[in-house]
Amino acid sequence: MGKRTNPARPVARSDLNDLEERVYRLEQQIRCAAQCGHRFSVATITPEFGEPTHGLRCCLCGLEIET
């Protein structure tokens, strides 16, 4: 295998925290999907931070997923 010419940049603690939060939310969505049997419809999602975006909302439990 070839030698790396571009070393990976150091990862900031805030990046790791953001990633951990995203993983946690995905785990919650997977658990909910297993229990709910989601029926999704297209919706405008307003994330905790940032601008409203397109996404999916479950008609049964209200789970929102950004797309």
PDB file of N, CA and C in Angstrom:
ATOM      1  N   MET A   1       0.838  -1.176   0.000  1.00  0.00           N
ATOM      2  CA  MET A   1       0.000   0.000   0.000  1.00  0.00           C
ATOM      3  C   MET A   1       0.883   1.238   0.000  1.00  0.00           C
ATOM      4  N   GLY A   2       0.407   2.310  -0.604  1.00  0.00           N
ATOM      5  CA  GLY A   2       1.188   3.533  -0.713  1.00  0.00           C
ATOM      6  C   GLY A   2       1.270   4.312   0.582  1.00  0.00           C
ATOM      7  N   LYS A   3       2.257   5.148   0.636  1.00  0.00           N
ATOM      8  CA  LYS A   3       2.457   5.999   1.812  1.00  0.00           C
ATOM      9  C   LYS A   3       1.456   7.148   1.786  1.00  0.00           C
ATOM     10  N   ARG A   4       0.907   7.497   2.938  1.00  0.00           N
ATOM     11  CA  ARG A   4      -0.037   8.625   3.009  1.00  0.00           C
ATOM     12  C   ARG A   4       0.726   9.926   2.826  1.00  0.00           C
ATOM     13  N   THR A   5       0.214  10.740   1.940  1.00  0.00           N
ATOM     14  CA  THR A   5       0.858  12.033   1.709  1.00  0.00           C
ATOM     15  C   THR A   5       0.157  13.156   2.443  1.00  0.00           C
ATOM     16  N   ASN A   6      -1.050  12.912   2.889  1.00  0.00           N
ATOM     17  CA  ASN A   6      -1.839  13.933   3.546  1.00  0.00           C
ATOM     18  C   ASN A   6      -2.316  13.399   4.900  1.00  0.00           C
ATOM     19  N   PRO A   7      -1.644  13.717   5.988  1.00  0.00           N
ATOM     20  CA  PRO A   7      -2.077  13.179   7.276  1.00  0.00           C
ATOM     21  C   PRO A   7      -3.462  13.701   7.653  1.00  0.00           C
ATOM     22  N   ALA A   8      -4.199  12.888   8.378  1.00  0.00           N
ATOM     23  CA  ALA A   8      -5.540  13.294   8.816  1.00  0.00           C
ATOM     24  C   ALA A   8      -5.441  14.501   9.728  1.00  0.00           C
ATOM     25  N   ARG A   9      -6.414  15.383   9.612  1.00  0.00           N
ATOM     26  CA  ARG A   9      -6.417  16.560  10.483  1.00  0.00           C
ATOM     27  C   ARG A   9      -6.870  16.143  11.867  1.00  0.00           C
ATOM     28  N   PRO A  10      -6.392  16.825  12.884  1.00  0.00           N
ATOM     29  CA  PRO A  10      -6.854  16.514  14.245  1.00  0.00           C
ATOM     30  C   PRO A  10      -8.364  16.780  14.355  1.00  0.00           C
ATOM     31  N   VAL A  11      -9.035  15.988  15.138  1.00  0.00           N
ATOM     32  CA  VAL A  11     -10.477  16.134  15.308  1.00  0.00           C
ATOM     33  C   VAL A  11     -10.742  16.961  16.563  1.00  0.00           C
ATOM     34  N   ALA A  12     -11.518  18.014  16.386  1.00  0.00           N
ATOM     35  CA  ALA A  12     -11.865  18.881  17.515  1.00  0.00           C
ATOM     36  C   ALA A  12     -12.868  18.180  18.420  1.00  0.00           C
ATOM     37  N   ARG A  13     -12.820  18.471  19.694  1.00  0.00           N
ATOM     38  CA  ARG A  13     -13.746  17.869  20.664  1.00  0.00           C
ATOM     39  C   ARG A  13     -15.193  18.200  20.307  1.00  0.00           C
ATOM     40  N   SER A  14     -15.433  19.407  19.801  1.00  0.00           N
ATOM     41  CA  SER A  14     -16.801  19.783  19.432  1.00  0.00           C
ATOM     42  C   SER A  14     -17.305  18.927  18.267  1.00  0.00           C
ATOM     43  N   ASP A  15     -16.407  18.558  17.332  1.00  0.00           N
ATOM     44  CA  ASP A  15     -16.791  17.674  16.227  1.00  0.00           C
ATOM     45  C   ASP A  15     -17.190  16.303  16.762  1.00  0.00           C
ATOM     46  N   LEU A  16     -16.429  15.809  17.739  1.00  0.00           N
ATOM     47  CA  LEU A  16     -16.749  14.511  18.336  1.00  0.00           C
ATOM     48  C   LEU A  16     -18.082  14.565  19.080  1.00  0.00           C
ATOM     49  N   ASN A  17     -18.323  15.669  19.786  1.00  0.00           N
ATOM     50  CA  ASN A  17     -19.594  15.818  20.501  1.00  0.00           C
ATOM     51  C   ASN A  17     -20.765  15.837  19.525  1.00  0.00           C
ATOM     52  N   ASP A  18     -20.607  16.565  18.404  1.00  0.00           N
ATOM     53  CA  ASP A  18     -21.659  16.610  17.396  1.00  0.00           C
ATOM     54  C   ASP A  18     -21.922  15.221  16.821  1.00  0.00           C
ATOM     55  N   LEU A  19     -20.853  14.491  16.540  1.00  0.00           N
ATOM     56  CA  LEU A  19     -20.983  13.149  15.993  1.00  0.00           C
ATOM     57  C   LEU A  19     -21.667  12.211  16.992  1.00  0.00           C
ATOM     58  N   GLU A  20     -21.283  12.304  18.263  1.00  0.00           N
ATOM     59  CA  GLU A  20     -21.916  11.477  19.295  1.00  0.00           C
ATOM     60  C   GLU A  20     -23.408  11.781  19.390  1.00  0.00           C
ATOM     61  N   GLU A  21     -23.774  13.049  19.283  1.00  0.00           N
ATOM     62  CA  GLU A  21     -25.181  13.441  19.343  1.00  0.00           C
ATOM     63  C   GLU A  21     -25.948  12.881  18.150  1.00  0.00           C
ATOM     64  N   ARG A  22     -25.362  12.931  16.963  1.00  0.00           N
ATOM     65  CA  ARG A  22     -26.018  12.394  15.766  1.00  0.00           C
ATOM     66  C   ARG A  22     -26.205  10.886  15.882  1.00  0.00           C
ATOM     67  N   VAL A  23     -25.186  10.196  16.383  1.00  0.00           N
ATOM     68  CA  VAL A  23     -25.283   8.744  16.564  1.00  0.00           C
ATOM     69  C   VAL A  23     -26.391   8.423  17.563  1.00  0.00           C
ATOM     70  N   TYR A  24     -26.456   9.174  18.653  1.00  0.00           N
ATOM     71  CA  TYR A  24     -27.482   8.956  19.669  1.00  0.00           C
ATOM     72  C   TYR A  24     -28.882   9.122  19.058  1.00  0.00           C
ATOM     73  N   ARG A  25     -29.069  10.196  18.261  1.00  0.00           N
ATOM     74  CA  ARG A  25     -30.372  10.422  17.640  1.00  0.00           C
ATOM     75  C   ARG A  25     -30.734   9.294  16.681  1.00  0.00           C
ATOM     76  N   LEU A  26     -29.751   8.820  15.902  1.00  0.00           N
ATOM     77  CA  LEU A  26     -30.018   7.706  14.989  1.00  0.00           C
ATOM     78  C   LEU A  26     -30.395   6.439  15.750  1.00  0.00           C
ATOM     79  N   GLU A  27     -29.716   6.179  16.863  1.00  0.00           N
ATOM     80  CA  GLU A  27     -30.065   5.018  17.684  1.00  0.00           C
ATOM     81  C   GLU A  27     -31.506   5.128  18.170  1.00  0.00           C
ATOM     82  N   GLN A  28     -31.905   6.331  18.600  1.00  0.00           N
ATOM     83  CA  GLN A  28     -33.278   6.540  19.070  1.00  0.00           C
ATOM     84  C   GLN A  28     -34.264   6.300  17.932  1.00  0.00           C
ATOM     85  N   GLN A  29     -33.935   6.768  16.723  1.00  0.00           N
ATOM     86  CA  GLN A  29     -34.816   6.584  15.571  1.00  0.00           C
ATOM     87  C   GLN A  29     -34.967   5.101  15.238  1.00  0.00           C
ATOM     88  N   ILE A  30     -33.876   4.355  15.326  1.00  0.00           N
ATOM     89  CA  ILE A  30     -33.926   2.931  15.024  1.00  0.00           C
ATOM     90  C   ILE A  30     -34.790   2.205  16.055  1.00  0.00           C
ATOM     91  N   ARG A  31     -34.615   2.535  17.334  1.00  0.00           N
ATOM     92  CA  ARG A  31     -35.438   1.918  18.382  1.00  0.00           C
ATOM     93  C   ARG A  31     -36.919   2.225  18.157  1.00  0.00           C
ATOM     94  N   CYS A  32     -37.204   3.467  17.827  1.00  0.00           N
ATOM     95  CA  CYS A  32     -38.587   3.885  17.607  1.00  0.00           C
ATOM     96  C   CYS A  32     -39.164   3.169  16.387  1.00  0.00           C
ATOM     97  N   ALA A  33     -38.375   3.043  15.324  1.00  0.00           N
ATOM     98  CA  ALA A  33     -38.844   2.377  14.111  1.00  0.00           C
ATOM     99  C   ALA A  33     -39.205   0.929  14.396  1.00  0.00           C
ATOM    100  N   ALA A  34     -38.443   0.284  15.250  1.00  0.00           N
ATOM    101  CA  ALA A  34     -38.711  -1.114  15.591  1.00  0.00           C
ATOM    102  C   ALA A  34     -40.028  -1.242  16.358  1.00  0.00           C
ATOM    103  N   GLN A  35     -40.392  -0.234  17.121  1.00  0.00           N
ATOM    104  CA  GLN A  35     -41.599  -0.292  17.941  1.00  0.00           C
ATOM    105  C   GLN A  35     -42.822   0.267  17.224  1.00  0.00           C
ATOM    106  N   CYS A  36     -42.628   1.243  16.372  1.00  0.00           N
ATOM    107  CA  CYS A  36     -43.740   2.015  15.819  1.00  0.00           C
ATOM    108  C   CYS A  36     -44.248   1.474  14.483  1.00  0.00           C
ATOM    109  N   GLY A  37     -43.359   0.997  13.603  1.00  0.00           N
ATOM    110  CA  GLY A  37     -43.766   0.620  12.250  1.00  0.00           C
ATOM    111  C   GLY A  37     -44.114   1.858  11.442  1.00  0.00           C
ATOM    112  N   HIS A  38     -43.216   2.828  11.444  1.00  0.00           N
ATOM    113  CA  HIS A  38     -43.436   4.166  10.893  1.00  0.00           C
ATOM    114  C   HIS A  38     -44.188   4.219   9.568  1.00  0.00           C
ATOM    115  N   ARG A  39     -44.952   5.277   9.437  1.00  0.00           N
ATOM    116  CA  ARG A  39     -45.548   5.693   8.170  1.00  0.00           C
ATOM    117  C   ARG A  39     -45.106   7.127   7.978  1.00  0.00           C
ATOM    118  N   PHE A  40     -44.196   7.332   7.037  1.00  0.00           N
ATOM    119  CA  PHE A  40     -43.634   8.661   6.861  1.00  0.00           C
ATOM    120  C   PHE A  40     -44.346   9.438   5.770  1.00  0.00           C
ATOM    121  N   SER A  41     -44.391  10.753   5.967  1.00  0.00           N
ATOM    122  CA  SER A  41     -44.861  11.667   4.926  1.00  0.00           C
ATOM    123  C   SER A  41     -43.824  12.786   4.815  1.00  0.00           C
ATOM    124  N   VAL A  42     -43.795  13.422   3.654  1.00  0.00           N
ATOM    125  CA  VAL A  42     -42.859  14.521   3.431  1.00  0.00           C
ATOM    126  C   VAL A  42     -43.304  15.705   4.273  1.00  0.00           C
ATOM    127  N   ALA A  43     -42.336  16.374   4.901  1.00  0.00           N
ATOM    128  CA  ALA A  43     -42.659  17.488   5.789  1.00  0.00           C
ATOM    129  C   ALA A  43     -41.522  18.498   5.790  1.00  0.00           C
ATOM    130  N   THR A  44     -41.818  19.684   6.273  1.00  0.00           N
ATOM    131  CA  THR A  44     -40.776  20.675   6.521  1.00  0.00           C
ATOM    132  C   THR A  44     -40.327  20.472   7.955  1.00  0.00           C
ATOM    133  N   ILE A  45     -39.035  20.205   8.121  1.00  0.00           N
ATOM    134  CA  ILE A  45     -38.462  19.916   9.426  1.00  0.00           C
ATOM    135  C   ILE A  45     -37.702  21.147   9.908  1.00  0.00           C
ATOM    136  N   THR A  46     -37.908  21.519  11.142  1.00  0.00           N
ATOM    137  CA  THR A  46     -37.149  22.610  11.728  1.00  0.00           C
ATOM    138  C   THR A  46     -36.162  22.008  12.724  1.00  0.00           C
ATOM    139  N   PRO A  47     -34.890  21.905  12.319  1.00  0.00           N
ATOM    140  CA  PRO A  47     -33.902  21.304  13.218  1.00  0.00           C
ATOM    141  C   PRO A  47     -33.645  22.184  14.434  1.00  0.00           C
ATOM    142  N   GLU A  48     -33.012  21.585  15.425  1.00  0.00           N
ATOM    143  CA  GLU A  48     -32.692  22.310  16.652  1.00  0.00           C
ATOM    144  C   GLU A  48     -31.836  23.540  16.338  1.00  0.00           C
ATOM    145  N   PHE A  49     -30.895  23.365  15.416  1.00  0.00           N
ATOM    146  CA  PHE A  49     -30.040  24.463  14.978  1.00  0.00           C
ATOM    147  C   PHE A  49     -30.122  24.553  13.468  1.00  0.00           C
ATOM    148  N   GLY A  50     -30.154  25.746  12.950  1.00  0.00           N
ATOM    149  CA  GLY A  50     -30.135  25.909  11.500  1.00  0.00           C
ATOM    150  C   GLY A  50     -31.493  26.238  10.918  1.00  0.00           C
ATOM    151  N   GLU A  51     -31.524  26.236   9.606  1.00  0.00           N
ATOM    152  CA  GLU A  51     -32.711  26.623   8.843  1.00  0.00           C
ATOM    153  C   GLU A  51     -33.658  25.432   8.658  1.00  0.00           C
ATOM    154  N   PRO A  52     -34.961  25.713   8.479  1.00  0.00           N
ATOM    155  CA  PRO A  52     -35.894  24.634   8.151  1.00  0.00           C
ATOM    156  C   PRO A  52     -35.452  23.933   6.867  1.00  0.00           C
ATOM    157  N   THR A  53     -35.707  22.653   6.796  1.00  0.00           N
ATOM    158  CA  THR A  53     -35.285  21.859   5.644  1.00  0.00           C
ATOM    159  C   THR A  53     -36.348  20.816   5.340  1.00  0.00           C
ATOM    160  N   HIS A  54     -36.212  20.143   4.215  1.00  0.00           N
ATOM    161  CA  HIS A  54     -37.147  19.077   3.864  1.00  0.00           C
ATOM    162  C   HIS A  54     -36.794  17.831   4.652  1.00  0.00           C
ATOM    163  N   GLY A  55     -37.781  17.044   4.945  1.00  0.00           N
ATOM    164  CA  GLY A  55     -37.541  15.816   5.681  1.00  0.00           C
ATOM    165  C   GLY A  55     -38.765  14.933   5.673  1.00  0.00           C
ATOM    166  N   LEU A  56     -38.761  13.973   6.576  1.00  0.00           N
ATOM    167  CA  LEU A  56     -39.862  13.038   6.714  1.00  0.00           C
ATOM    168  C   LEU A  56     -40.383  13.092   8.143  1.00  0.00           C
ATOM    169  N   ARG A  57     -41.703  12.961   8.286  1.00  0.00           N
ATOM    170  CA  ARG A  57     -42.307  12.937   9.617  1.00  0.00           C
ATOM    171  C   ARG A  57     -43.224  11.714   9.688  1.00  0.00           C
ATOM    172  N   CYS A  58     -43.104  10.955  10.769  1.00  0.00           N
ATOM    173  CA  CYS A  58     -43.952   9.778  10.960  1.00  0.00           C
ATOM    174  C   CYS A  58     -45.358  10.233  11.350  1.00  0.00           C
ATOM    175  N   CYS A  59     -46.360   9.700  10.650  1.00  0.00           N
ATOM    176  CA  CYS A  59     -47.751  10.047  10.942  1.00  0.00           C
ATOM    177  C   CYS A  59     -48.228   9.418  12.249  1.00  0.00           C
ATOM    178  N   LEU A  60     -47.523   8.385  12.722  1.00  0.00           N
ATOM    179  CA  LEU A  60     -47.950   7.680  13.935  1.00  0.00           C
ATOM    180  C   LEU A  60     -47.344   8.253  15.206  1.00  0.00           C
ATOM    181  N   CYS A  61     -46.029   8.542  15.179  1.00  0.00           N
ATOM    182  CA  CYS A  61     -45.379   8.961  16.426  1.00  0.00           C
ATOM    183  C   CYS A  61     -44.765  10.358  16.347  1.00  0.00           C
ATOM    184  N   GLY A  62     -44.702  10.972  15.153  1.00  0.00           N
ATOM    185  CA  GLY A  62     -44.168  12.321  15.024  1.00  0.00           C
ATOM    186  C   GLY A  62     -42.663  12.396  14.845  1.00  0.00           C
ATOM    187  N   LEU A  63     -41.976  11.244  14.740  1.00  0.00           N
ATOM    188  CA  LEU A  63     -40.527  11.238  14.534  1.00  0.00           C
ATOM    189  C   LEU A  63     -40.190  12.002  13.261  1.00  0.00           C
ATOM    190  N   GLU A  64     -39.204  12.890  13.344  1.00  0.00           N
ATOM    191  CA  GLU A  64     -38.778  13.673  12.186  1.00  0.00           C
ATOM    192  C   GLU A  64     -37.360  13.277  11.794  1.00  0.00           C
ATOM    193  N   ILE A  65     -37.132  13.112  10.483  1.00  0.00           N
ATOM    194  CA  ILE A  65     -35.819  12.782   9.956  1.00  0.00           C
ATOM    195  C   ILE A  65     -35.487  13.783   8.866  1.00  0.00           C
ATOM    196  N   GLU A  66     -34.342  14.455   9.006  1.00  0.00           N
ATOM    197  CA  GLU A  66     -33.891  15.374   7.969  1.00  0.00           C
ATOM    198  C   GLU A  66     -33.388  14.572   6.786  1.00  0.00           C
ATOM    199  N   THR A  67     -33.690  15.055   5.578  1.00  0.00           N
ATOM    200  CA  THR A  67     -33.193  14.386   4.368  1.00  0.00           C
ATOM    201  C   THR A  67     -32.326  15.312   3.571  1.00  0.00           C
TER     202      THR A  67
END
